[in-house]
Amino acid sequence: MMYKITTTVSPEMYRDAQEHGIKWCEAMRVGLSRLLAQKGLERWINPRTVQDNLLEIKEKIGDLYIQINQLETTQEKKYGV
């Protein structure tokens, strides 16, 4: 059984999807499967989702590393530590 679903997108998203040949049914399936995987439903987890999650974590770690360095620099300047 299949369900028919209607959605709304911005003109920019519509234009870009059309220009790049992205099918709406494919976009919906991919997007929904990623969201379900992020919610922890194992049957929707695939290597791409795992890779994307790892990249997000790496970015967050990088941002935290920068914040730590900035705090250390501030402390050194302020207290000479």
PDB file of N, CA and C in Angstrom:
ATOM      1  N   MET A   1       0.840  -1.166   0.000  1.00  0.00           N
ATOM      2  CA  MET A   1       0.000   0.000   0.000  1.00  0.00           C
ATOM      3  C   MET A   1       0.894   1.242   0.000  1.00  0.00           C
ATOM      4  N   MET A   2       0.540   2.222  -0.780  1.00  0.00           N
ATOM      5  CA  MET A   2       1.278   3.475  -0.862  1.00  0.00           C
ATOM      6  C   MET A   2       0.355   4.611  -0.451  1.00  0.00           C
ATOM      7  N   TYR A   3       0.942   5.664   0.093  1.00  0.00           N
ATOM      8  CA  TYR A   3       0.185   6.844   0.490  1.00  0.00           C
ATOM      9  C   TYR A   3       0.585   8.015  -0.378  1.00  0.00           C
ATOM     10  N   LYS A   4      -0.381   8.809  -0.762  1.00  0.00           N
ATOM     11  CA  LYS A   4      -0.104  10.019  -1.530  1.00  0.00           C
ATOM     12  C   LYS A   4      -0.004  11.173  -0.533  1.00  0.00           C
ATOM     13  N   ILE A   5       1.120  11.901  -0.606  1.00  0.00           N
ATOM     14  CA  ILE A   5       1.374  12.997   0.323  1.00  0.00           C
ATOM     15  C   ILE A   5       1.649  14.258  -0.478  1.00  0.00           C
ATOM     16  N   THR A   6       1.132  15.375  -0.002  1.00  0.00           N
ATOM     17  CA  THR A   6       1.354  16.664  -0.639  1.00  0.00           C
ATOM     18  C   THR A   6       2.184  17.527   0.291  1.00  0.00           C
ATOM     19  N   THR A   7       3.110  18.294  -0.273  1.00  0.00           N
ATOM     20  CA  THR A   7       3.936  19.181   0.533  1.00  0.00           C
ATOM     21  C   THR A   7       4.139  20.504  -0.195  1.00  0.00           C
ATOM     22  N   THR A   8       4.714  21.460   0.492  1.00  0.00           N
ATOM     23  CA  THR A   8       4.979  22.781  -0.067  1.00  0.00           C
ATOM     24  C   THR A   8       6.472  23.068   0.050  1.00  0.00           C
ATOM     25  N   VAL A   9       7.065  23.612  -1.010  1.00  0.00           N
ATOM     26  CA  VAL A   9       8.480  23.988  -0.993  1.00  0.00           C
ATOM     27  C   VAL A   9       8.620  25.420  -1.496  1.00  0.00           C
ATOM     28  N   SER A  10       9.755  26.010  -1.158  1.00  0.00           N
ATOM     29  CA  SER A  10      10.008  27.378  -1.605  1.00  0.00           C
ATOM     30  C   SER A  10      10.284  27.400  -3.102  1.00  0.00           C
ATOM     31  N   PRO A  11      10.096  28.543  -3.748  1.00  0.00           N
ATOM     32  CA  PRO A  11      10.408  28.641  -5.180  1.00  0.00           C
ATOM     33  C   PRO A  11      11.874  28.305  -5.477  1.00  0.00           C
ATOM     34  N   GLU A  12      12.773  28.708  -4.570  1.00  0.00           N
ATOM     35  CA  GLU A  12      14.198  28.429  -4.783  1.00  0.00           C
ATOM     36  C   GLU A  12      14.475  26.927  -4.736  1.00  0.00           C
ATOM     37  N   MET A  13      13.881  26.246  -3.758  1.00  0.00           N
ATOM     38  CA  MET A  13      14.082  24.807  -3.643  1.00  0.00           C
ATOM     39  C   MET A  13      13.507  24.092  -4.861  1.00  0.00           C
ATOM     40  N   TYR A  14      12.341  24.522  -5.297  1.00  0.00           N
ATOM     41  CA  TYR A  14      11.710  23.921  -6.468  1.00  0.00           C
ATOM     42  C   TYR A  14      12.594  24.083  -7.696  1.00  0.00           C
ATOM     43  N   ARG A  15      13.086  25.298  -7.921  1.00  0.00           N
ATOM     44  CA  ARG A  15      13.922  25.586  -9.083  1.00  0.00           C
ATOM     45  C   ARG A  15      15.216  24.772  -9.050  1.00  0.00           C
ATOM     46  N   ASP A  16      15.890  24.755  -7.886  1.00  0.00           N
ATOM     47  CA  ASP A  16      17.156  24.023  -7.779  1.00  0.00           C
ATOM     48  C   ASP A  16      16.963  22.524  -7.977  1.00  0.00           C
ATOM     49  N   ALA A  17      15.890  21.985  -7.428  1.00  0.00           N
ATOM     50  CA  ALA A  17      15.621  20.556  -7.601  1.00  0.00           C
ATOM     51  C   ALA A  17      15.356  20.233  -9.077  1.00  0.00           C
ATOM     52  N   GLN A  18      14.591  21.089  -9.732  1.00  0.00           N
ATOM     53  CA  GLN A  18      14.307  20.871 -11.149  1.00  0.00           C
ATOM     54  C   GLN A  18      15.588  20.948 -11.977  1.00  0.00           C
ATOM     55  N   GLU A  19      16.423  21.960 -11.703  1.00  0.00           N
ATOM     56  CA  GLU A  19      17.663  22.145 -12.463  1.00  0.00           C
ATOM     57  C   GLU A  19      18.619  20.972 -12.305  1.00  0.00           C
ATOM     58  N   HIS A  20      18.577  20.320 -11.148  1.00  0.00           N
ATOM     59  CA  HIS A  20      19.512  19.226 -10.881  1.00  0.00           C
ATOM     60  C   HIS A  20      18.883  17.849 -11.043  1.00  0.00           C
ATOM     61  N   GLY A  21      17.673  17.822 -11.564  1.00  0.00           N
ATOM     62  CA  GLY A  21      17.028  16.550 -11.894  1.00  0.00           C
ATOM     63  C   GLY A  21      16.658  15.700 -10.684  1.00  0.00           C
ATOM     64  N   ILE A  22      16.374  16.339  -9.568  1.00  0.00           N
ATOM     65  CA  ILE A  22      15.984  15.589  -8.372  1.00  0.00           C
ATOM     66  C   ILE A  22      14.485  15.332  -8.426  1.00  0.00           C
ATOM     67  N   LYS A  23      14.120  14.062  -8.309  1.00  0.00           N
ATOM     68  CA  LYS A  23      12.713  13.687  -8.321  1.00  0.00           C
ATOM     69  C   LYS A  23      12.138  13.899  -6.929  1.00  0.00           C
ATOM     70  N   TRP A  24      10.926  14.396  -6.869  1.00  0.00           N
ATOM     71  CA  TRP A  24      10.305  14.698  -5.582  1.00  0.00           C
ATOM     72  C   TRP A  24      10.093  13.460  -4.741  1.00  0.00           C
ATOM     73  N   CYS A  25       9.731  12.363  -5.359  1.00  0.00           N
ATOM     74  CA  CYS A  25       9.516  11.128  -4.590  1.00  0.00           C
ATOM     75  C   CYS A  25      10.837  10.660  -3.969  1.00  0.00           C
ATOM     76  N   GLU A  26      11.933  10.809  -4.713  1.00  0.00           N
ATOM     77  CA  GLU A  26      13.250  10.424  -4.194  1.00  0.00           C
ATOM     78  C   GLU A  26      13.659  11.339  -3.031  1.00  0.00           C
ATOM     79  N   ALA A  27      13.447  12.633  -3.199  1.00  0.00           N
ATOM     80  CA  ALA A  27      13.799  13.590  -2.151  1.00  0.00           C
ATOM     81  C   ALA A  27      13.022  13.288  -0.868  1.00  0.00           C
ATOM     82  N   MET A  28      11.766  12.983  -1.009  1.00  0.00           N
ATOM     83  CA  MET A  28      10.928  12.677   0.155  1.00  0.00           C
ATOM     84  C   MET A  28      11.401  11.408   0.851  1.00  0.00           C
ATOM     85  N   ARG A  29      11.685  10.363   0.080  1.00  0.00           N
ATOM     86  CA  ARG A  29      12.134   9.099   0.670  1.00  0.00           C
ATOM     87  C   ARG A  29      13.472   9.267   1.386  1.00  0.00           C
ATOM     88  N   VAL A  30      14.412   9.945   0.720  1.00  0.00           N
ATOM     89  CA  VAL A  30      15.737  10.127   1.306  1.00  0.00           C
ATOM     90  C   VAL A  30      15.646  10.970   2.576  1.00  0.00           C
ATOM     91  N   GLY A  31      14.931  12.081   2.490  1.00  0.00           N
ATOM     92  CA  GLY A  31      14.803  12.959   3.645  1.00  0.00           C
ATOM     93  C   GLY A  31      14.109  12.281   4.812  1.00  0.00           C
ATOM     94  N   LEU A  32      13.030  11.588   4.539  1.00  0.00           N
ATOM     95  CA  LEU A  32      12.283  10.916   5.594  1.00  0.00           C
ATOM     96  C   LEU A  32      13.096   9.779   6.216  1.00  0.00           C
ATOM     97  N   SER A  33      13.808   9.017   5.392  1.00  0.00           N
ATOM     98  CA  SER A  33      14.617   7.924   5.938  1.00  0.00           C
ATOM     99  C   SER A  33      15.737   8.467   6.827  1.00  0.00           C
ATOM    100  N   ARG A  34      16.337   9.605   6.448  1.00  0.00           N
ATOM    101  CA  ARG A  34      17.379  10.209   7.294  1.00  0.00           C
ATOM    102  C   ARG A  34      16.810  10.670   8.622  1.00  0.00           C
ATOM    103  N   LEU A  35      15.633  11.287   8.584  1.00  0.00           N
ATOM    104  CA  LEU A  35      15.007  11.743   9.825  1.00  0.00           C
ATOM    105  C   LEU A  35      14.641  10.570  10.731  1.00  0.00           C
ATOM    106  N   LEU A  36      14.129   9.492  10.150  1.00  0.00           N
ATOM    107  CA  LEU A  36      13.793   8.305  10.935  1.00  0.00           C
ATOM    108  C   LEU A  36      15.048   7.668  11.534  1.00  0.00           C
ATOM    109  N   ALA A  37      16.131   7.648  10.774  1.00  0.00           N
ATOM    110  CA  ALA A  37      17.393   7.112  11.283  1.00  0.00           C
ATOM    111  C   ALA A  37      17.905   7.953  12.445  1.00  0.00           C
ATOM    112  N   GLN A  38      17.781   9.268  12.333  1.00  0.00           N
ATOM    113  CA  GLN A  38      18.217  10.152  13.410  1.00  0.00           C
ATOM    114  C   GLN A  38      17.389   9.944  14.674  1.00  0.00           C
ATOM    115  N   LYS A  39      16.164   9.492  14.513  1.00  0.00           N
ATOM    116  CA  LYS A  39      15.307   9.209  15.669  1.00  0.00           C
ATOM    117  C   LYS A  39      15.621   7.848  16.287  1.00  0.00           C
ATOM    118  N   GLY A  40      16.566   7.119  15.676  1.00  0.00           N
ATOM    119  CA  GLY A  40      17.005   5.851  16.252  1.00  0.00           C
ATOM    120  C   GLY A  40      16.345   4.604  15.692  1.00  0.00           C
ATOM    121  N   LEU A  41      15.565   4.732  14.638  1.00  0.00           N
ATOM    122  CA  LEU A  41      14.955   3.547  14.031  1.00  0.00           C
ATOM    123  C   LEU A  41      16.003   2.842  13.174  1.00  0.00           C
ATOM    124  N   GLU A  42      16.493   1.720  13.680  1.00  0.00           N
ATOM    125  CA  GLU A  42      17.647   1.051  13.064  1.00  0.00           C
ATOM    126  C   GLU A  42      17.423   0.622  11.629  1.00  0.00           C
ATOM    127  N   ARG A  43      16.215   0.247  11.272  1.00  0.00           N
ATOM    128  CA  ARG A  43      15.995  -0.239   9.902  1.00  0.00           C
ATOM    129  C   ARG A  43      16.208   0.861   8.858  1.00  0.00           C
ATOM    130  N   TRP A  44      16.259   2.132   9.286  1.00  0.00           N
ATOM    131  CA  TRP A  44      16.460   3.242   8.360  1.00  0.00           C
ATOM    132  C   TRP A  44      17.900   3.744   8.353  1.00  0.00           C
ATOM    133  N   ILE A  45      18.732   3.182   9.217  1.00  0.00           N
ATOM    134  CA  ILE A  45      20.131   3.616   9.270  1.00  0.00           C
ATOM    135  C   ILE A  45      20.882   2.981   8.108  1.00  0.00           C
ATOM    136  N   ASN A  46      21.624   3.801   7.378  1.00  0.00           N
ATOM    137  CA  ASN A  46      22.434   3.301   6.278  1.00  0.00           C
ATOM    138  C   ASN A  46      23.818   3.952   6.373  1.00  0.00           C
ATOM    139  N   PRO A  47      24.790   3.468   5.608  1.00  0.00           N
ATOM    140  CA  PRO A  47      26.151   4.017   5.706  1.00  0.00           C
ATOM    141  C   PRO A  47      26.226   5.520   5.489  1.00  0.00           C
ATOM    142  N   ARG A  48      25.416   6.051   4.618  1.00  0.00           N
ATOM    143  CA  ARG A  48      25.441   7.496   4.350  1.00  0.00           C
ATOM    144  C   ARG A  48      25.000   8.292   5.581  1.00  0.00           C
ATOM    145  N   THR A  49      23.966   7.794   6.254  1.00  0.00           N
ATOM    146  CA  THR A  49      23.482   8.451   7.457  1.00  0.00           C
ATOM    147  C   THR A  49      24.559   8.439   8.539  1.00  0.00           C
ATOM    148  N   VAL A  50      25.217   7.305   8.695  1.00  0.00           N
ATOM    149  CA  VAL A  50      26.289   7.182   9.685  1.00  0.00           C
ATOM    150  C   VAL A  50      27.417   8.155   9.342  1.00  0.00           C
ATOM    151  N   GLN A  51      27.799   8.203   8.081  1.00  0.00           N
ATOM    152  CA  GLN A  51      28.867   9.104   7.649  1.00  0.00           C
ATOM    153  C   GLN A  51      28.493  10.562   7.909  1.00  0.00           C
ATOM    154  N   ASP A  52      27.268  10.940   7.600  1.00  0.00           N
ATOM    155  CA  ASP A  52      26.817  12.309   7.845  1.00  0.00           C
ATOM    156  C   ASP A  52      26.841  12.642   9.333  1.00  0.00           C
ATOM    157  N   ASN A  53      26.416  11.689  10.167  1.00  0.00           N
ATOM    158  CA  ASN A  53      26.432  11.912  11.609  1.00  0.00           C
ATOM    159  C   ASN A  53      27.855  12.093  12.122  1.00  0.00           C
ATOM    160  N   LEU A  54      28.788  11.304  11.609  1.00  0.00           N
ATOM    161  CA  LEU A  54      30.190  11.441  12.013  1.00  0.00           C
ATOM    162  C   LEU A  54      30.755  12.797  11.606  1.00  0.00           C
ATOM    163  N   LEU A  55      30.414  13.258  10.425  1.00  0.00           N
ATOM    164  CA  LEU A  55      30.876  14.575   9.989  1.00  0.00           C
ATOM    165  C   LEU A  55      30.332  15.683  10.884  1.00  0.00           C
ATOM    166  N   GLU A  56      29.069  15.558  11.277  1.00  0.00           N
ATOM    167  CA  GLU A  56      28.477  16.543  12.192  1.00  0.00           C
ATOM    168  C   GLU A  56      29.211  16.555  13.526  1.00  0.00           C
ATOM    169  N   ILE A  57      29.508  15.378  14.049  1.00  0.00           N
ATOM    170  CA  ILE A  57      30.218  15.275  15.328  1.00  0.00           C
ATOM    171  C   ILE A  57      31.608  15.878  15.205  1.00  0.00           C
ATOM    172  N   LYS A  58      32.303  15.601  14.100  1.00  0.00           N
ATOM    173  CA  LYS A  58      33.638  16.172  13.894  1.00  0.00           C
ATOM    174  C   LYS A  58      33.593  17.690  13.868  1.00  0.00           C
ATOM    175  N   GLU A  59      32.577  18.252  13.217  1.00  0.00           N
ATOM    176  CA  GLU A  59      32.424  19.708  13.173  1.00  0.00           C
ATOM    177  C   GLU A  59      32.203  20.277  14.567  1.00  0.00           C
ATOM    178  N   LYS A  60      31.354  19.619  15.348  1.00  0.00           N
ATOM    179  CA  LYS A  60      31.084  20.080  16.709  1.00  0.00           C
ATOM    180  C   LYS A  60      32.351  20.019  17.560  1.00  0.00           C
ATOM    181  N   ILE A  61      33.119  18.946  17.411  1.00  0.00           N
ATOM    182  CA  ILE A  61      34.368  18.812  18.162  1.00  0.00           C
ATOM    183  C   ILE A  61      35.334  19.920  17.760  1.00  0.00           C
ATOM    184  N   GLY A  62      35.414  20.210  16.475  1.00  0.00           N
ATOM    185  CA  GLY A  62      36.276  21.283  15.991  1.00  0.00           C
ATOM    186  C   GLY A  62      35.874  22.623  16.581  1.00  0.00           C
ATOM    187  N   ASP A  63      34.569  22.891  16.623  1.00  0.00           N
ATOM    188  CA  ASP A  63      34.078  24.138  17.211  1.00  0.00           C
ATOM    189  C   ASP A  63      34.418  24.217  18.693  1.00  0.00           C
ATOM    190  N   LEU A  64      34.251  23.095  19.401  1.00  0.00           N
ATOM    191  CA  LEU A  64      34.580  23.078  20.828  1.00  0.00           C
ATOM    192  C   LEU A  64      36.076  23.292  21.046  1.00  0.00           C
ATOM    193  N   TYR A  65      36.898  22.705  20.199  1.00  0.00           N
ATOM    194  CA  TYR A  65      38.345  22.871  20.298  1.00  0.00           C
ATOM    195  C   TYR A  65      38.725  24.353  20.147  1.00  0.00           C
ATOM    196  N   ILE A  66      38.095  25.030  19.213  1.00  0.00           N
ATOM    197  CA  ILE A  66      38.340  26.466  19.015  1.00  0.00           C
ATOM    198  C   ILE A  66      37.922  27.249  20.253  1.00  0.00           C
ATOM    199  N   GLN A  67      36.760  26.919  20.814  1.00  0.00           N
ATOM    200  CA  GLN A  67      36.289  27.609  22.017  1.00  0.00           C
ATOM    201  C   GLN A  67      37.242  27.391  23.190  1.00  0.00           C
ATOM    202  N   ILE A  68      37.744  26.173  23.344  1.00  0.00           N
ATOM    203  CA  ILE A  68      38.697  25.878  24.419  1.00  0.00           C
ATOM    204  C   ILE A  68      39.957  26.712  24.246  1.00  0.00           C
ATOM    205  N   ASN A  69      40.477  26.768  23.039  1.00  0.00           N
ATOM    206  CA  ASN A  69      41.689  27.559  22.786  1.00  0.00           C
ATOM    207  C   ASN A  69      41.451  29.041  23.070  1.00  0.00           C
ATOM    208  N   GLN A  70      40.280  29.553  22.699  1.00  0.00           N
ATOM    209  CA  GLN A  70      39.965  30.951  22.964  1.00  0.00           C
ATOM    210  C   GLN A  70      39.882  31.216  24.468  1.00  0.00           C
ATOM    211  N   LEU A  71      39.265  30.313  25.208  1.00  0.00           N
ATOM    212  CA  LEU A  71      39.181  30.463  26.662  1.00  0.00           C
ATOM    213  C   LEU A  71      40.564  30.405  27.311  1.00  0.00           C
ATOM    214  N   GLU A  72      41.392  29.478  26.849  1.00  0.00           N
ATOM    215  CA  GLU A  72      42.747  29.368  27.398  1.00  0.00           C
ATOM    216  C   GLU A  72      43.543  30.637  27.133  1.00  0.00           C
ATOM    217  N   THR A  73      43.414  31.171  25.936  1.00  0.00           N
ATOM    218  CA  THR A  73      44.117  32.404  25.587  1.00  0.00           C
ATOM    219  C   THR A  73      43.638  33.560  26.457  1.00  0.00           C
ATOM    220  N   THR A  74      42.336  33.638  26.661  1.00  0.00           N
ATOM    221  CA  THR A  74      41.760  34.690  27.502  1.00  0.00           C
ATOM    222  C   THR A  74      42.275  34.566  28.937  1.00  0.00           C
ATOM    223  N   GLN A  75      42.305  33.348  29.437  1.00  0.00           N
ATOM    224  CA  GLN A  75      42.792  33.129  30.807  1.00  0.00           C
ATOM    225  C   GLN A  75      44.265  33.486  30.938  1.00  0.00           C
ATOM    226  N   GLU A  76      45.049  33.133  29.944  1.00  0.00           N
ATOM    227  CA  GLU A  76      46.478  33.457  29.962  1.00  0.00           C
ATOM    228  C   GLU A  76      46.696  34.962  29.992  1.00  0.00           C
ATOM    229  N   LYS A  77      45.934  35.671  29.173  1.00  0.00           N
ATOM    230  CA  LYS A  77      46.068  37.131  29.119  1.00  0.00           C
ATOM    231  C   LYS A  77      45.587  37.767  30.406  1.00  0.00           C
ATOM    232  N   LYS A  78      44.485  37.264  30.932  1.00  0.00           N
ATOM    233  CA  LYS A  78      43.860  37.872  32.102  1.00  0.00           C
ATOM    234  C   LYS A  78      44.637  37.579  33.390  1.00  0.00           C
ATOM    235  N   TYR A  79      45.056  36.329  33.546  1.00  0.00           N
ATOM    236  CA  TYR A  79      45.664  35.920  34.807  1.00  0.00           C
ATOM    237  C   TYR A  79      47.149  35.551  34.690  1.00  0.00           C
ATOM    238  N   GLY A  80      47.661  35.550  33.479  1.00  0.00           N
ATOM    239  CA  GLY A  80      49.061  35.181  33.293  1.00  0.00           C
ATOM    240  C   GLY A  80      49.334  33.724  33.580  1.00  0.00           C
ATOM    241  N   VAL A  81      48.319  32.911  33.422  1.00  0.00           N
ATOM    242  CA  VAL A  81      48.451  31.465  33.711  1.00  0.00           C
ATOM    243  C   VAL A  81      48.961  30.734  32.501  1.00  0.00           C
TER     244      VAL A  81
END
